[in-house]
Protein backbone atom coordinates (compact mmCIF):
# COMPACT_ATOMS: atom_id res chain seq x y z
CA MET A 1 97.26 74.93 100.94
CA ASN A 2 97.59 76.46 96.96
CA ASP A 3 99.26 73.21 96.47
CA PRO A 4 96.76 70.34 95.38
CA ALA A 5 99.17 67.31 96.14
CA VAL A 6 99.27 69.15 99.73
CA TRP A 7 95.86 69.53 100.01
CA PHE A 8 95.12 65.76 99.25
CA LYS A 9 98.06 64.70 101.41
CA ASP A 10 96.28 66.66 104.46
CA LEU A 11 92.94 65.46 103.77
CA PHE A 12 93.55 61.87 103.84
CA VAL A 13 95.74 62.49 106.92
CA ASN A 14 92.78 63.95 108.68
CA ALA A 15 90.75 61.17 107.95
CA GLY A 16 92.78 59.23 110.01
CA LEU A 17 95.31 57.52 107.50
CA SER A 18 98.99 57.43 107.86
CA TYR A 19 101.06 59.91 106.37
CA SER A 20 102.92 57.83 103.98
CA PHE A 21 99.91 56.23 102.60
CA SER A 22 98.05 59.40 102.34
CA SER A 23 101.10 60.80 100.30
CA PHE A 24 100.74 57.56 97.93
CA LEU A 25 97.16 58.53 97.79
CA SER A 26 97.54 62.17 97.14
CA THR A 27 99.59 61.25 94.16
CA ILE A 28 96.99 58.91 92.85
CA ALA A 29 94.54 61.47 93.01
CA LEU A 30 96.49 63.68 90.82
CA VAL A 31 97.19 61.05 88.58
CA VAL A 32 93.45 60.42 88.03
CA ILE A 33 92.71 64.22 87.66
CA VAL A 34 96.14 64.23 85.15
CA ILE A 35 94.19 61.55 83.00
CA LEU A 36 90.95 63.07 83.36
CA PHE A 37 92.27 66.39 82.04
CA SER A 38 94.18 64.65 79.02
CA TRP A 39 90.54 62.51 78.17
CA VAL A 40 88.88 66.07 78.14
CA SER A 41 91.49 67.64 75.99
CA ASN A 42 91.47 64.91 73.63
CA LEU A 43 87.27 65.46 73.20
CA ILE A 44 87.89 68.97 72.77
CA ALA A 45 90.55 68.63 70.10
CA LYS A 46 88.10 66.34 68.14
CA ALA A 47 85.29 68.68 68.46
CA ILE A 48 87.15 71.20 67.26
CA ILE A 49 88.56 69.32 64.45
CA LEU A 50 85.45 67.68 63.45
CA LYS A 51 83.05 70.52 63.56
CA ILE A 52 85.21 73.61 63.26
CA VAL A 53 87.71 72.47 60.53
CA THR A 54 85.48 70.01 58.65
CA ARG A 55 82.59 72.87 58.12
CA ILE A 56 85.93 75.36 56.66
CA VAL A 57 86.82 72.46 54.80
CA LYS A 58 83.34 71.64 53.27
CA LYS A 59 82.96 75.38 52.16
CA THR A 60 85.90 75.80 50.69
CA THR A 61 85.74 74.92 46.53
CA ASN A 62 89.21 73.18 46.47
CA THR A 63 89.30 69.40 46.79
CA TRP A 64 92.66 69.21 48.25
CA ASP A 65 91.89 70.06 51.76
CA ASP A 66 88.72 67.52 51.36
CA ILE A 67 91.53 64.50 50.70
CA PHE A 68 93.66 65.66 53.76
CA LEU A 69 89.93 65.26 55.87
CA GLU A 70 89.43 61.88 54.43
CA GLN A 71 93.21 60.67 55.14
CA LYS A 72 92.55 61.87 58.90
CA VAL A 73 95.24 64.31 58.83
CA PHE A 74 93.59 66.77 61.10
CA THR A 75 92.06 64.00 63.25
CA ARG A 76 95.18 62.26 64.25
CA LEU A 77 96.75 65.78 65.24
CA SER A 78 94.01 65.60 67.99
CA HIS A 79 96.16 62.86 69.92
CA PHE A 80 98.74 65.38 70.49
CA ALA A 81 96.58 66.98 73.06
CA PRO A 82 96.46 64.47 75.72
CA SER A 83 100.13 63.85 75.36
CA LEU A 84 101.14 67.28 75.74
CA VAL A 85 98.89 67.48 78.81
CA ILE A 86 100.48 64.28 80.24
CA TRP A 87 103.59 65.73 79.48
CA PHE A 88 103.40 69.06 81.24
CA MET A 89 101.10 67.89 84.08
CA ALA A 90 103.16 64.74 85.24
CA SER A 91 105.82 66.96 87.09
CA TRP A 92 102.89 68.29 89.06
CA ALA A 93 101.24 64.91 89.94
CA LEU A 94 104.60 63.00 90.38
CA THR A 95 106.77 65.21 92.70
CA SER A 96 107.18 62.64 95.24
CA TYR A 97 108.26 60.04 92.46
CA PRO A 98 111.03 61.41 90.37
CA SER A 99 111.59 57.85 89.16
CA TRP A 100 108.37 57.37 87.71
CA LEU A 101 108.49 60.86 86.46
CA ILE A 102 111.30 59.73 84.33
CA VAL A 103 109.53 56.57 82.91
CA ILE A 104 106.15 58.81 82.23
CA HIS A 105 108.13 61.55 80.22
CA LYS A 106 109.75 58.56 77.96
CA LEU A 107 106.60 56.98 77.28
CA THR A 108 104.75 60.42 76.40
CA TYR A 109 107.85 61.29 74.05
CA ILE A 110 107.70 57.58 72.41
CA TYR A 111 103.72 58.22 72.15
CA MET A 112 104.16 61.67 70.46
CA VAL A 113 106.77 60.25 68.25
CA PHE A 114 104.58 57.78 67.14
CA ILE A 115 101.71 59.84 66.56
CA GLY A 116 104.13 61.98 64.58
CA MET A 117 104.86 59.27 62.40
CA VAL A 118 101.05 58.21 61.84
CA VAL A 119 100.55 61.80 60.94
CA ILE A 120 103.23 62.39 58.67
CA ASN A 121 102.19 59.21 56.88
CA SER A 122 98.47 60.11 56.35
CA PHE A 123 100.02 63.64 55.13
CA ILE A 124 101.97 61.81 52.74
CA GLU A 125 99.14 59.40 51.58
CA ALA A 126 96.86 62.47 51.08
CA TRP A 127 99.45 64.05 48.88
CA HIS A 128 99.64 60.49 47.10
CA GLU A 129 95.74 60.69 46.59
CA ILE A 130 96.16 64.22 45.26
CA TYR A 131 98.81 63.35 42.92
CA LYS A 132 96.24 60.41 41.55
CA THR A 133 94.03 63.07 40.49
CA LEU A 134 96.47 65.04 38.08
CA PRO A 135 96.79 64.06 34.26
CA ILE A 136 100.46 62.98 34.86
CA ALA A 137 99.22 60.18 37.18
CA ARG A 138 97.90 58.22 34.20
CA HIS A 139 101.56 57.52 32.68
CA ARG A 140 103.46 57.71 35.69
CA HIS A 141 102.56 55.73 39.15
CA ILE A 142 104.45 57.04 42.17
CA LYS A 143 102.86 54.08 44.89
CA GLY A 144 106.50 52.55 45.16
CA TYR A 145 108.04 55.82 46.10
CA VAL A 146 105.54 56.72 48.46
CA GLN A 147 105.63 53.31 50.30
CA LEU A 148 109.29 53.59 50.31
CA LEU A 149 109.03 57.18 51.80
CA LYS A 150 106.54 55.52 54.48
CA ILE A 151 108.98 52.69 55.24
CA PHE A 152 111.94 55.60 55.75
CA ILE A 153 109.55 57.35 58.15
CA VAL A 154 108.85 54.08 60.16
CA PHE A 155 112.72 53.47 59.90
CA ILE A 156 113.71 57.28 61.75
CA THR A 157 110.55 56.53 64.16
CA ILE A 158 112.11 53.28 65.35
CA LEU A 159 115.57 54.76 65.45
CA VAL A 160 114.06 57.73 67.56
CA ILE A 161 112.42 55.04 70.11
CA VAL A 162 115.45 52.98 70.64
CA SER A 163 117.65 56.03 71.05
CA VAL A 164 115.22 57.44 73.99
CA VAL A 165 114.71 53.63 75.41
CA PHE A 166 118.28 52.95 75.36
CA LYS A 167 119.72 56.20 75.72
CA LYS A 168 121.78 55.87 72.61
CA ASP A 169 122.80 58.60 70.17
CA ILE A 170 121.37 57.98 66.84
CA SER A 171 124.13 58.19 64.81
CA THR A 172 125.67 55.47 66.98
CA LEU A 173 122.26 53.09 66.17
CA ILE A 174 122.98 54.00 62.31
CA ALA A 175 126.40 52.86 62.62
CA GLY A 176 125.21 49.71 64.13
CA PHE A 177 122.59 49.26 61.26
CA GLY A 178 125.31 49.80 58.84
CA ALA A 179 127.59 46.84 60.44
CA MET A 180 124.02 44.90 59.81
CA ALA A 181 123.57 45.83 56.08
CA ALA A 182 124.27 42.49 54.94
CA VAL A 183 121.61 41.00 57.25
CA LEU A 184 119.30 43.93 56.13
CA ILE A 185 119.74 43.25 52.28
CA LEU A 186 119.07 39.68 52.97
CA VAL A 187 115.70 40.31 54.86
CA PHE A 188 114.66 43.14 52.57
CA ARG A 189 115.87 41.29 49.29
CA ASP A 190 112.09 41.84 47.66
CA THR A 191 111.92 44.79 48.80
CA LEU A 192 114.89 46.49 47.72
CA LEU A 193 114.63 44.60 44.02
CA GLY A 194 111.15 45.84 43.93
CA LEU A 195 112.12 49.17 44.44
CA VAL A 196 114.34 49.23 41.52
CA ALA A 197 112.14 47.60 39.57
CA SER A 198 109.39 50.10 40.11
CA ILE A 199 111.82 52.81 39.51
CA GLN A 200 112.57 51.40 36.32
CA LEU A 201 109.23 50.84 35.68
CA SER A 202 108.01 54.12 36.12
CA ALA A 203 110.70 55.76 34.57
CA ASP A 204 110.49 54.12 31.27
CA LYS A 205 106.87 53.88 31.18
CA MET A 206 106.68 50.36 30.88
CA LEU A 207 103.75 49.71 32.87
CA LYS A 208 100.79 51.68 34.44
CA ILE A 209 97.41 50.90 36.22
CA GLY A 210 95.14 50.26 33.81
CA ASP A 211 97.52 48.84 31.42
CA TRP A 212 96.77 45.35 29.63
CA ILE A 213 99.46 42.96 30.11
CA SER A 214 100.14 39.22 29.27
CA ILE A 215 102.78 37.02 31.04
CA PRO A 216 102.05 33.44 29.61
CA ARG A 217 104.47 31.61 31.99
CA ARG A 218 102.54 32.98 34.76
CA ASP A 219 99.12 32.74 33.54
CA VAL A 220 98.64 36.46 33.43
CA ASP A 221 96.18 38.23 31.12
CA GLY A 222 94.28 41.10 32.26
CA VAL A 223 94.06 44.66 33.45
CA VAL A 224 96.88 45.96 35.96
CA ILE A 225 94.80 47.21 39.07
CA ASP A 226 97.54 48.09 41.25
CA ILE A 227 101.40 48.38 41.34
CA THR A 228 103.01 48.40 44.81
CA LEU A 229 106.85 48.32 46.01
CA THR A 230 107.19 44.71 45.97
CA THR A 231 103.87 43.09 43.81
CA VAL A 232 101.77 44.35 40.51
CA LYS A 233 98.34 43.06 40.94
CA VAL A 234 96.50 41.96 37.61
CA GLN A 235 92.92 41.04 37.15
CA ASN A 236 92.53 38.47 34.81
CA PHE A 237 89.83 38.62 32.33
CA ASP A 238 88.17 35.57 33.99
CA LYS A 239 87.78 37.83 37.08
CA THR A 240 90.70 36.05 39.02
CA ILE A 241 93.42 38.42 40.62
CA ILE A 242 97.09 37.32 40.48
CA THR A 243 99.90 39.17 41.87
CA VAL A 244 103.35 39.19 40.06
CA PRO A 245 106.54 40.05 41.98
CA THR A 246 107.34 43.76 40.55
CA TYR A 247 111.18 42.68 40.08
CA SER A 248 109.83 39.91 37.87
CA LEU A 249 108.36 42.27 35.15
CA VAL A 250 111.97 43.95 35.07
CA ASN A 251 113.98 40.43 34.74
CA ASP A 252 111.34 38.47 32.51
CA SER A 253 109.52 39.72 29.45
CA PHE A 254 106.14 40.62 29.52
CA GLN A 255 103.76 41.91 26.87
CA ASN A 256 101.71 45.21 27.22
CA TRP A 257 99.00 45.59 24.84
CA LYS A 258 99.10 49.68 25.71
CA GLY A 259 100.20 50.39 22.29
CA MET A 260 97.57 48.62 20.53
CA GLU A 261 95.03 50.03 22.64
CA GLU A 262 96.37 53.53 22.03
CA ALA A 263 96.47 53.10 18.19
CA GLY A 264 93.11 51.98 17.99
CA ILE A 265 93.80 49.11 15.91
CA ARG A 266 94.34 45.24 16.58
CA GLN A 267 96.39 42.70 14.73
CA ILE A 268 94.55 39.22 13.31
CA LYS A 269 97.70 36.54 12.57
CA ARG A 270 96.09 33.20 12.53
CA SER A 271 96.48 30.34 9.77
CA ILE A 272 94.07 28.36 7.58
CA PHE A 273 95.87 24.95 7.18
CA ILE A 274 95.04 23.82 3.26
CA ASP A 275 94.69 20.63 2.39
CA MET A 276 97.60 20.21 0.14
CA SER A 277 96.05 17.27 -2.21
CA SER A 278 93.08 19.88 -2.97
CA ILE A 279 95.78 22.59 -4.76
CA ARG A 280 95.36 22.29 -8.43
CA PHE A 281 95.63 24.51 -11.69
CA LEU A 282 92.56 26.29 -12.37
CA ASP A 283 90.49 23.75 -15.25
CA LYS A 284 87.88 25.11 -17.46
CA GLU A 285 84.87 24.31 -15.59
CA LEU A 286 86.27 26.11 -12.44
CA LYS A 287 87.45 29.11 -14.38
CA GLU A 288 84.05 29.56 -15.78
CA ARG A 289 82.17 29.44 -12.34
CA LEU A 290 84.65 31.95 -10.55
CA SER A 291 84.45 34.09 -13.68
CA ARG A 292 80.99 34.87 -12.79
CA VAL A 293 82.39 37.14 -10.07
CA PRO A 294 83.71 40.56 -11.72
CA GLU A 295 86.67 41.10 -9.78
CA LEU A 296 87.82 37.23 -10.25
CA LYS A 297 87.15 37.42 -13.95
CA GLU A 298 89.31 40.54 -14.04
CA PHE A 299 92.26 38.65 -12.44
CA ILE A 300 92.22 35.76 -14.29
CA GLU A 301 91.99 38.05 -17.62
CA LEU A 302 95.18 39.80 -16.31
CA THR A 303 97.05 36.86 -15.62
CA GLU A 304 96.19 35.19 -18.75
CA LYS A 305 98.05 38.26 -20.82
CA GLN A 306 101.45 37.50 -18.95
CA ILE A 307 104.00 36.28 -20.44
CA ASN A 308 105.25 32.84 -19.68
CA LEU A 309 108.91 31.72 -18.98
CA SER A 310 109.98 31.44 -23.04
CA GLY A 311 108.54 34.89 -23.63
CA LYS A 312 105.67 33.77 -25.59
CA GLY A 313 102.01 34.01 -24.73
CA ILE A 314 100.04 31.70 -23.08
CA LYS A 315 98.38 29.06 -25.84
CA ASP A 316 97.40 26.20 -23.88
CA LEU A 317 95.96 26.66 -20.35
CA GLU A 318 95.70 23.03 -20.10
CA THR A 319 99.61 22.30 -20.39
CA PRO A 320 101.06 23.53 -17.08
CA PHE A 321 104.62 22.91 -17.75
CA PHE A 322 107.05 25.58 -17.88
CA ASN A 323 104.32 27.94 -17.95
CA SER A 324 104.62 30.48 -15.03
CA SER A 325 101.20 32.13 -15.70
CA GLN A 326 99.19 29.39 -14.91
CA ILE A 327 96.78 29.99 -12.19
CA THR A 328 96.31 27.49 -9.21
CA ASN A 329 92.76 27.53 -7.42
CA LEU A 330 94.85 28.79 -4.04
CA GLY A 331 96.08 31.47 -5.96
CA ILE A 332 93.12 32.83 -6.94
CA PHE A 333 91.77 32.07 -3.20
CA ARG A 334 94.25 34.45 -1.86
CA PHE A 335 93.39 36.95 -4.30
CA TYR A 336 89.89 36.64 -3.30
CA ALA A 337 90.83 36.83 0.41
CA GLU A 338 92.69 39.93 0.28
CA THR A 339 90.15 41.58 -1.98
CA TYR A 340 87.08 40.57 0.54
CA LEU A 341 89.60 41.73 3.29
CA ARG A 342 90.10 45.08 1.93
CA GLN A 343 86.52 45.61 1.24
CA HIS A 344 85.72 44.65 4.82
CA PRO A 345 84.15 47.80 6.95
CA GLN A 346 85.72 46.57 9.98
CA VAL A 347 89.61 45.85 8.49
CA ASP A 348 91.66 48.71 8.33
CA SER A 349 92.74 49.03 4.76
CA THR A 350 95.63 51.66 5.34
CA GLN A 351 97.47 48.91 7.15
CA THR A 352 99.14 45.98 5.67
CA ILE A 353 97.09 43.22 4.63
CA ILE A 354 98.78 39.65 3.53
CA MET A 355 97.60 36.27 2.53
CA ARG A 356 100.90 34.23 2.79
CA HIS A 357 102.10 30.86 3.17
CA ARG A 358 103.80 29.58 6.29
CA PRO A 359 106.25 26.68 6.14
CA PHE A 360 103.96 23.16 6.51
CA GLU A 361 105.24 20.79 8.91
CA GLY A 362 102.99 17.74 7.88
CA ASN A 363 99.61 19.40 8.87
CA GLY A 364 98.67 21.03 5.41
CA LEU A 365 100.08 24.28 4.18
CA PRO A 366 99.33 26.94 6.65
CA LEU A 367 97.60 29.99 4.87
CA GLN A 368 98.32 32.84 7.21
CA LEU A 369 95.83 35.78 7.35
CA TYR A 370 97.86 38.99 8.50
CA LEU A 371 95.50 42.20 8.90
CA PHE A 372 94.64 44.90 11.45
CA THR A 373 90.94 45.68 12.45
CA LYS A 374 89.71 49.15 13.38
CA ASN A 375 87.69 47.64 16.77
CA ASN A 376 90.52 46.57 19.06
CA GLN A 377 87.62 46.12 22.00
CA PHE A 378 87.90 42.44 23.12
CA THR A 379 84.30 41.05 22.20
CA PRO A 380 83.71 42.85 19.16
CA PHE A 381 87.10 41.98 17.72
CA GLU A 382 86.63 38.22 18.42
CA ASN A 383 83.23 38.33 16.81
CA MET A 384 84.49 40.10 13.86
CA GLN A 385 87.50 37.71 13.52
CA SER A 386 85.34 34.68 13.80
CA GLY A 387 83.16 36.15 11.12
CA ILE A 388 85.94 36.46 9.07
CA PHE A 389 87.47 32.91 9.25
CA GLU A 390 83.84 31.31 9.04
CA HIS A 391 83.22 33.15 5.57
CA LEU A 392 86.72 32.18 4.22
CA LEU A 393 86.20 28.53 5.67
CA ALA A 394 82.76 28.52 3.83
CA ILE A 395 83.80 29.73 0.80
CA MET A 396 86.77 27.83 0.19
CA ASN A 397 85.03 24.86 -1.33
CA GLU A 398 83.90 27.16 -4.26
CA PHE A 399 87.72 26.95 -4.98
CA GLY A 400 87.94 23.32 -5.12
CA LEU A 401 90.05 23.81 -1.75
CA LYS A 402 89.72 21.83 1.39
CA VAL A 403 90.81 22.49 5.03
CA PHE A 404 93.32 19.91 6.15
CA GLN A 405 92.03 18.36 9.53
CA GLN A 406 92.94 15.13 11.48
CA PRO A 407 91.43 12.00 10.47
CA SER A 408 88.47 11.13 13.12
CA GLY A 409 86.92 7.87 14.06
CA ASP A 410 84.03 8.27 11.41
CA ASP A 411 86.70 8.89 9.00
CA LEU A 412 88.63 6.03 9.79
CA GLN A 413 85.48 3.85 9.78
CA THR A 414 84.54 5.04 6.15
CA ILE A 415 87.85 4.18 4.80
CA SER A 416 88.00 0.57 6.35
CA LYS A 417 84.52 -0.14 4.94
CA LYS A 418 86.07 0.98 1.50
């Protein structure tokens, strides 16, 4: 009478049911009891974790245990409680059905292996979140390694489940997968290439989250917001988000603006196209007008004292032939522009400042500005760069220079009228 199965069976027999049917109903009753116990055990386990463990975690000053709680590492452990109840009570409930007992044990074992995989992956993700709080995480991302480790855990879980279902040794399964290596490499090509690229990017410190990168061929110009095993996610400055294969950053070239941001300066390298017909020697009228500016007067006087090619002093500024010291309006404009840039409060005068000619290709003479600004933030930099070019374009007329530009419709009409 101490055996519940016998008790239930006698109860149903006394109720007038057949012996075989009573035996089946008693098994059903025991199965219901096991399910009820497993459900209650799950509730109790969750209650202990949510109330007791959570209370202990919240009282501690260390934030690491809070991360484990947020990643539900403790909560997911509660799923082991019902599986253990079913594992140990199934033999008691299914005494009359040993074949069903084997199936239930296998399913319970598979469930526990799956829960173990989920808990381990949650544990790995929790440590990843802890790692991201450390200073080293700013320079070395490990998300690719974390994803690879998770994939490895899932792979081992699948092997264990297959070995249980088909009663095969794991070593035999691994050998079988080895024979399928070529197929696996083809299927997981992007993952493998991404893994190698992720390792290279991290080891060589080529890229990290928060870096500003540009890949013109892929229309990428923005900030890296995520790096995974297979893709790099970039938010462009127009707020669109684009994903780039990780291995493409190693195979192709990309521009990382990290060095510029860390240096605190930013380069300007743009050209003004000068109308070459406006370039001429400095005449008396232009010389008198420019000499009103002290810096330009000093430059002109110094140049006039230089020795010409014949070794004699300058006798006639009106005669340009064989006169190496003759000043051009473009030359004095270059001097003015360099002086203006060196005195500009937002230009880093400790860096190189050059006004230089570039090879012309029929669109005027390119006069390139090469300098570095003290502010590398996008909006202030663009405003300052625009201000510099606006000033130089506006002041060029004082030197008798003109900017080259393609003729417009109004220009052609004016020419035709003449």
